[in-house]
Amino acid sequence: MHTEQGAAYAGILGIGAYRPARLVPNAEIVEAIDSSDEWIQQRSGIKTRRFADDSETVIAMSVAASRGALEQAGVDPRQVDCVIVATVSHLLQTPSAATAVAHEIGTDQAAAFDISAACAGFCHGIALASDLVRGGSARYVLVIGVERLSDITSTTDRGTAFIFADGAGAAVVGPSTVPAIGPVVWGSDGEKFDLIRTREDWRDVLASEKPVMPHLVMQGNEVFRWASYSMAKVAQQALDRAGVTVDDLDCFVPHQANNRITDAMARAMRLPAHVRIARDIIDAGNTSAASIPLALERMIRDGEAKSGDVALLVAFGAGLSYAAQVVTVP
């Protein structure tokens, strides 16, 4: 049996991002949920978020982010062997968004599929891509995290209306001469399946007298407690598996769920003062699967992260699913 030889190591070669044009301040949210700008900022850290318009579809945003990632990586789209899209808001059950994205960017018959791991989806995709490259199944893999959560968020739900937002981030994963994507630490806690979910399934919606799009609901306090402390342990496991310590880190890029969760994780991990922490949520809200690539791209663009830096990615969300890995910034 002949076995295709994979790369010794894999790394992230390029990052791209797409942010919808429409900026939505808290002032547009508060009346419908009987809240205030001060309350939202105190509870989440969010000042603004972006909502997509009709032209900014899951596929269109994915394509735009992908082109930026490919350009930075110096990879021709025809070299891409696999496209992975992480999303929970592509509202066609089938076919996958990835197949359309692969075609739109000009790949040559790339494998393409979507994954559903909610806010942890991008980190799941990076883990899969790294294994594909090292295993010889692909040389270049395009990983996209994309959401239009405004489609499935109720504007009157006081627990979620101010949190979720839209956008897309993409990464090109390919061969590296040195270890640049550490071993993934991932898992799920299905006992907490109901803490973040869509309210109804489609059968219940269609059986109702007034069908309404299923919306996300979340038990915020329980999620906060779980993420603040459980994810610090997962983060430490990812550091241990990569053979590094918090002192070796340059950047900490957690899922942009809530600034208070980020602060709690940083305290629990005892992050040194020199470690720069992603705070994209302040202006971008919680974009689920898109949040980590968007946050990392912003750190690179703002000069808070530079090529060669050591970054810890930690993601968690509905399921409850989670994933973490140490990566080298492209």
Protein backbone atom coordinates (compact mmCIF):
# COMPACT_ATOMS: atom_id res chain seq x y z
CA MET A 1 0.00 0.00 0.00
CA HIS A 2 1.38 3.42 -1.01
CA THR A 3 0.91 6.18 1.57
CA GLU A 4 1.00 9.86 0.61
CA GLN A 5 3.74 11.62 2.55
CA GLY A 6 2.46 14.56 4.57
CA ALA A 7 4.34 17.60 5.85
CA ALA A 8 6.41 17.25 9.01
CA TYR A 9 4.66 20.28 10.49
CA ALA A 10 1.73 22.56 9.68
CA GLY A 11 1.24 26.26 10.27
CA ILE A 12 -1.14 29.14 9.63
CA LEU A 13 0.23 30.92 6.55
CA GLY A 14 -2.26 33.74 6.19
CA ILE A 15 -5.26 35.38 7.91
CA GLY A 16 -8.11 37.30 6.31
CA ALA A 17 -11.24 39.02 7.62
CA TYR A 18 -14.50 40.51 6.50
CA ARG A 19 -16.55 42.86 8.67
CA PRO A 20 -20.01 43.97 7.50
CA ALA A 21 -20.35 47.65 6.67
CA ARG A 22 -23.21 48.42 9.06
CA LEU A 23 -22.00 49.42 12.53
CA VAL A 24 -24.68 49.01 15.20
CA PRO A 25 -24.15 50.88 18.50
CA ASN A 26 -25.81 49.85 21.74
CA ALA A 27 -28.22 52.77 21.32
CA GLU A 28 -29.97 50.81 18.54
CA ILE A 29 -30.39 47.76 20.77
CA VAL A 30 -31.43 49.08 24.17
CA GLU A 31 -35.03 50.19 23.67
CA ALA A 32 -36.32 46.79 22.53
CA ILE A 33 -34.77 45.05 25.55
CA ASP A 34 -35.46 47.74 28.17
CA SER A 35 -31.74 48.20 28.81
CA SER A 36 -29.01 50.83 28.59
CA ASP A 37 -25.63 51.34 26.97
CA GLU A 38 -24.04 51.36 30.41
CA TRP A 39 -25.66 48.02 31.37
CA ILE A 40 -24.54 46.32 28.15
CA GLN A 41 -20.96 47.55 28.48
CA GLN A 42 -20.80 46.59 32.15
CA ARG A 43 -22.20 43.11 31.47
CA SER A 44 -20.29 42.25 28.28
CA GLY A 45 -17.83 44.97 27.31
CA ILE A 46 -19.62 45.49 23.98
CA LYS A 47 -20.01 49.02 22.60
CA THR A 48 -20.85 48.24 18.97
CA ARG A 49 -21.32 45.27 16.67
CA ARG A 50 -21.79 44.74 12.93
CA PHE A 51 -24.88 43.39 11.18
CA ALA A 52 -24.79 42.14 7.60
CA ASP A 53 -27.09 43.48 4.90
CA ASP A 54 -28.83 41.34 2.27
CA SER A 55 -25.76 41.27 0.01
CA GLU A 56 -23.42 40.22 2.82
CA THR A 57 -24.35 36.56 2.84
CA VAL A 58 -22.50 33.77 4.64
CA ILE A 59 -20.94 32.81 1.32
CA ALA A 60 -20.08 36.36 0.23
CA MET A 61 -18.42 37.19 3.56
CA SER A 62 -16.53 33.88 3.49
CA VAL A 63 -15.21 34.56 -0.01
CA ALA A 64 -14.02 38.06 0.94
CA ALA A 65 -12.21 36.83 4.05
CA SER A 66 -10.71 33.91 2.13
CA ARG A 67 -9.23 36.13 -0.55
CA GLY A 68 -7.45 38.16 2.10
CA ALA A 69 -6.04 35.03 3.74
CA LEU A 70 -4.87 33.57 0.43
CA GLU A 71 -3.21 36.84 -0.54
CA GLN A 72 -1.31 37.06 2.74
CA ALA A 73 -0.28 33.41 2.46
CA GLY A 74 0.86 33.80 -1.15
CA VAL A 75 -1.23 30.76 -2.11
CA ASP A 76 -3.08 30.54 -5.42
CA PRO A 77 -6.71 29.41 -4.92
CA ARG A 78 -6.06 26.56 -7.37
CA GLN A 79 -3.55 25.16 -4.85
CA VAL A 80 -6.22 24.77 -2.15
CA ASP A 81 -7.04 21.10 -1.61
CA CYS A 82 -9.75 21.47 1.04
CA VAL A 83 -12.17 24.18 2.23
CA ILE A 84 -13.65 23.93 5.73
CA VAL A 85 -16.39 26.35 6.79
CA ALA A 86 -17.32 26.57 10.48
CA THR A 87 -20.76 28.11 10.94
CA VAL A 88 -24.17 27.69 12.57
CA SER A 89 -25.93 30.34 10.50
CA HIS A 90 -25.79 29.00 6.93
CA LEU A 91 -29.54 28.50 6.69
CA LEU A 92 -29.52 25.95 3.87
CA GLN A 93 -29.48 22.49 5.39
CA THR A 94 -27.64 21.32 2.27
CA PRO A 95 -25.46 21.79 0.27
CA SER A 96 -22.64 23.09 2.43
CA ALA A 97 -21.53 26.69 2.24
CA ALA A 98 -17.99 25.41 1.71
CA THR A 99 -18.77 24.01 -1.73
CA ALA A 100 -20.01 27.40 -2.95
CA VAL A 101 -17.04 29.19 -1.37
CA ALA A 102 -14.60 26.78 -2.99
CA HIS A 103 -16.13 27.50 -6.39
CA GLU A 104 -16.31 31.27 -5.89
CA ILE A 105 -12.64 31.62 -4.95
CA GLY A 106 -11.55 29.50 -7.92
CA THR A 107 -10.27 26.29 -6.38
CA ASP A 108 -9.75 23.25 -8.58
CA GLN A 109 -12.11 20.55 -7.29
CA ALA A 110 -11.17 21.01 -3.64
CA ALA A 111 -12.85 18.90 -0.97
CA ALA A 112 -15.33 21.15 0.82
CA PHE A 113 -17.53 20.72 3.88
CA ASP A 114 -19.08 22.62 6.79
CA ILE A 115 -18.64 21.86 10.47
CA SER A 116 -21.02 22.79 13.30
CA ALA A 117 -19.20 23.40 16.56
CA ALA A 118 -20.65 26.85 17.25
CA CYS A 119 -18.14 29.30 18.73
CA ALA A 120 -15.45 26.60 18.87
CA GLY A 121 -15.81 25.85 15.15
CA PHE A 122 -12.78 27.77 13.87
CA CYS A 123 -10.41 26.08 16.32
CA HIS A 124 -11.91 22.71 15.35
CA GLY A 125 -11.25 23.61 11.73
CA ILE A 126 -7.62 24.54 12.43
CA ALA A 127 -7.10 21.20 14.18
CA LEU A 128 -8.61 19.29 11.25
CA ALA A 129 -6.57 21.28 8.73
CA SER A 130 -3.32 20.66 10.59
CA ASP A 131 -4.00 16.92 10.65
CA LEU A 132 -4.90 16.90 6.94
CA VAL A 133 -1.65 18.66 6.01
CA ARG A 134 0.52 16.48 8.21
CA GLY A 135 -1.30 13.33 7.18
CA GLY A 136 -0.85 13.97 3.47
CA SER A 137 -4.54 14.36 2.61
CA ALA A 138 -4.05 18.02 1.64
CA ARG A 139 -1.21 20.48 1.13
CA TYR A 140 -3.18 23.70 1.62
CA VAL A 141 -6.42 23.94 3.58
CA LEU A 142 -8.65 27.01 3.80
CA VAL A 143 -10.43 27.30 7.17
CA ILE A 144 -13.26 29.82 7.52
CA GLY A 145 -15.29 30.90 10.53
CA VAL A 146 -18.38 32.82 9.45
CA GLU A 147 -21.69 33.86 10.98
CA ARG A 148 -24.82 35.90 10.27
CA LEU A 149 -26.14 35.58 13.80
CA SER A 150 -28.41 38.59 13.27
CA ASP A 151 -30.64 36.20 11.29
CA ILE A 152 -31.19 33.93 14.29
CA THR A 153 -31.11 36.43 17.17
CA SER A 154 -34.29 37.87 18.66
CA THR A 155 -34.18 41.66 18.91
CA THR A 156 -36.32 41.49 22.06
CA ASP A 157 -34.42 38.80 23.98
CA ARG A 158 -32.70 40.68 26.81
CA GLY A 159 -30.17 37.90 27.28
CA THR A 160 -28.89 37.70 23.69
CA ALA A 161 -29.99 40.68 21.56
CA PHE A 162 -26.96 42.79 22.48
CA ILE A 163 -24.38 39.98 22.20
CA PHE A 164 -24.42 38.36 18.78
CA ALA A 165 -23.16 39.81 15.51
CA ASP A 166 -21.94 39.01 11.99
CA GLY A 167 -18.64 38.62 10.17
CA ALA A 168 -16.11 36.19 8.68
CA GLY A 169 -12.49 35.26 9.27
CA ALA A 170 -10.32 32.85 7.31
CA ALA A 171 -6.94 31.15 7.59
CA VAL A 172 -4.77 29.24 5.17
CA VAL A 173 -3.09 26.21 6.75
CA GLY A 174 -0.16 24.58 4.98
CA PRO A 175 3.26 22.97 5.42
CA SER A 176 5.73 24.49 7.88
CA THR A 177 9.41 23.81 8.50
CA VAL A 178 8.90 24.14 12.25
CA PRO A 179 6.04 23.26 14.64
CA ALA A 180 3.54 26.12 14.20
CA ILE A 181 0.20 24.61 15.24
CA GLY A 182 0.29 22.82 18.57
CA PRO A 183 -1.75 19.75 19.52
CA VAL A 184 -5.42 20.53 19.97
CA VAL A 185 -7.18 20.09 23.30
CA TRP A 186 -10.84 19.71 22.48
CA GLY A 187 -14.01 18.14 23.75
CA SER A 188 -17.63 18.69 24.68
CA ASP A 189 -19.88 18.68 27.72
CA GLY A 190 -23.21 17.42 26.43
CA GLU A 191 -24.73 17.50 29.91
CA LYS A 192 -24.91 21.27 29.34
CA PHE A 193 -26.44 20.88 25.87
CA ASP A 194 -29.34 23.25 26.64
CA LEU A 195 -27.32 26.21 27.93
CA ILE A 196 -26.91 27.69 24.43
CA ARG A 197 -29.25 26.55 21.68
CA THR A 198 -31.85 27.51 19.13
CA ARG A 199 -35.18 27.76 20.90
CA GLU A 200 -37.19 25.35 18.69
CA ASP A 201 -36.46 22.84 15.99
CA TRP A 202 -38.01 23.35 12.58
CA ARG A 203 -40.74 20.74 13.08
CA ASP A 204 -42.11 22.72 16.03
CA VAL A 205 -41.87 25.95 14.06
CA LEU A 206 -43.75 24.58 11.06
CA ALA A 207 -46.42 23.09 13.30
CA SER A 208 -47.14 26.43 15.00
CA GLU A 209 -49.90 28.80 13.95
CA LYS A 210 -47.47 31.67 13.35
CA PRO A 211 -44.13 30.25 12.18
CA VAL A 212 -41.16 32.37 13.32
CA MET A 213 -37.47 31.82 12.67
CA PRO A 214 -35.93 29.81 15.56
CA HIS A 215 -33.78 32.13 17.65
CA LEU A 216 -30.77 31.57 19.86
CA VAL A 217 -31.35 31.43 23.60
CA MET A 218 -28.69 31.27 26.29
CA GLN A 219 -28.51 30.77 30.04
CA GLY A 220 -25.88 33.44 30.45
CA ASN A 221 -24.97 33.05 34.13
CA GLU A 222 -24.36 29.31 33.83
CA VAL A 223 -22.29 29.76 30.65
CA PHE A 224 -20.26 32.48 32.34
CA ARG A 225 -19.41 30.26 35.31
CA TRP A 226 -18.53 27.28 33.12
CA ALA A 227 -16.39 29.19 30.64
CA SER A 228 -14.58 31.39 33.15
CA TYR A 229 -13.08 28.48 35.05
CA SER A 230 -13.29 25.34 32.90
CA MET A 231 -11.65 27.02 29.91
CA ALA A 232 -8.64 28.18 31.94
CA LYS A 233 -7.93 24.50 32.59
CA VAL A 234 -8.31 23.66 28.90
CA ALA A 235 -5.98 26.54 28.04
CA GLN A 236 -3.34 25.20 30.42
CA GLN A 237 -3.65 21.74 28.87
CA ALA A 238 -3.05 23.25 25.42
CA LEU A 239 0.06 25.02 26.71
CA ASP A 240 1.32 21.79 28.28
CA ARG A 241 0.75 19.77 25.12
CA ALA A 242 2.59 22.39 23.06
CA GLY A 243 5.49 22.37 25.51
CA VAL A 244 5.26 26.06 26.36
CA THR A 245 4.35 28.12 29.43
CA VAL A 246 2.38 31.35 29.86
CA ASP A 247 5.74 33.15 29.96
CA ASP A 248 6.40 32.01 26.38
CA LEU A 249 3.17 33.53 25.08
CA ASP A 250 3.00 36.81 23.18
CA CYS A 251 -0.76 36.85 22.53
CA PHE A 252 -3.91 35.40 24.07
CA VAL A 253 -6.80 35.12 21.61
CA PRO A 254 -9.89 33.70 23.33
CA HIS A 255 -13.31 33.42 21.74
CA GLN A 256 -14.83 36.89 21.96
CA ALA A 257 -17.80 35.91 24.10
CA ASN A 258 -17.66 38.41 26.94
CA ASN A 259 -14.92 40.67 28.26
CA ARG A 260 -15.59 39.51 31.81
CA ILE A 261 -15.01 35.88 30.78
CA THR A 262 -11.75 36.90 29.13
CA ASP A 263 -10.66 38.69 32.30
CA ALA A 264 -11.57 35.71 34.48
CA MET A 265 -9.60 33.34 32.25
CA ALA A 266 -6.57 35.62 32.24
CA ARG A 267 -6.61 35.79 36.04
CA ALA A 268 -7.04 32.04 36.44
CA MET A 269 -4.16 31.40 34.02
CA ARG A 270 -2.01 34.08 35.70
CA LEU A 271 -1.09 35.59 32.36
CA PRO A 272 2.01 37.80 32.58
CA ALA A 273 1.61 41.51 31.87
CA HIS A 274 3.50 41.25 28.57
CA VAL A 275 0.88 38.94 27.01
CA ARG A 276 -1.38 40.96 24.72
CA ILE A 277 -5.05 40.00 24.97
CA ALA A 278 -7.58 40.19 22.11
CA ARG A 279 -10.50 42.53 22.87
CA ASP A 280 -12.27 42.59 19.50
CA ILE A 281 -15.63 42.03 21.21
CA ILE A 282 -15.76 45.70 22.26
CA ASP A 283 -16.38 46.83 18.69
CA ALA A 284 -17.43 43.60 16.96
CA GLY A 285 -19.67 41.74 19.43
CA ASN A 286 -19.76 37.96 19.62
CA THR A 287 -19.43 36.54 16.11
CA SER A 288 -19.28 32.88 17.22
CA ALA A 289 -17.14 30.84 14.80
CA ALA A 290 -15.75 34.04 13.24
CA SER A 291 -14.61 35.64 16.48
CA ILE A 292 -11.11 34.18 16.83
CA PRO A 293 -9.90 34.79 13.25
CA LEU A 294 -11.44 38.28 13.33
CA ALA A 295 -9.72 39.03 16.63
CA LEU A 296 -6.36 37.68 15.48
CA GLU A 297 -6.53 39.58 12.19
CA ARG A 298 -7.27 42.78 14.08
CA MET A 299 -4.31 42.24 16.44
CA ILE A 300 -2.03 41.77 13.42
CA ARG A 301 -3.45 44.84 11.66
CA ASP A 302 -3.13 47.01 14.79
CA GLY A 303 0.43 45.85 15.48
CA GLU A 304 -0.48 43.98 18.67
CA ALA A 305 0.63 40.71 17.08
CA LYS A 306 3.48 40.20 14.64
CA SER A 307 4.71 37.36 12.50
CA GLY A 308 6.41 34.71 14.61
CA ASP A 309 4.58 35.55 17.83
CA VAL A 310 3.31 32.67 19.95
CA ALA A 311 -0.47 32.85 20.41
CA LEU A 312 -2.90 30.77 22.44
CA LEU A 313 -6.34 30.26 20.88
CA VAL A 314 -9.19 29.14 23.14
CA ALA A 315 -12.78 28.73 21.96
CA PHE A 316 -15.99 27.53 23.60
CA GLY A 317 -19.68 27.57 22.79
CA ALA A 318 -22.93 25.69 22.28
CA GLY A 319 -22.81 21.99 22.86
CA LEU A 320 -20.98 22.79 25.04
CA SER A 321 -18.02 22.42 22.65
CA TYR A 322 -14.50 23.69 23.20
CA ALA A 323 -11.06 23.63 21.59
CA ALA A 324 -7.67 25.24 22.22
CA GLN A 325 -4.26 25.22 20.56
CA VAL A 326 -1.02 27.17 20.53
CA VAL A 327 -0.14 28.64 17.11
CA THR A 328 2.54 30.79 15.54
CA VAL A 329 1.21 34.07 14.13
CA PRO A 330 1.69 34.21 10.34
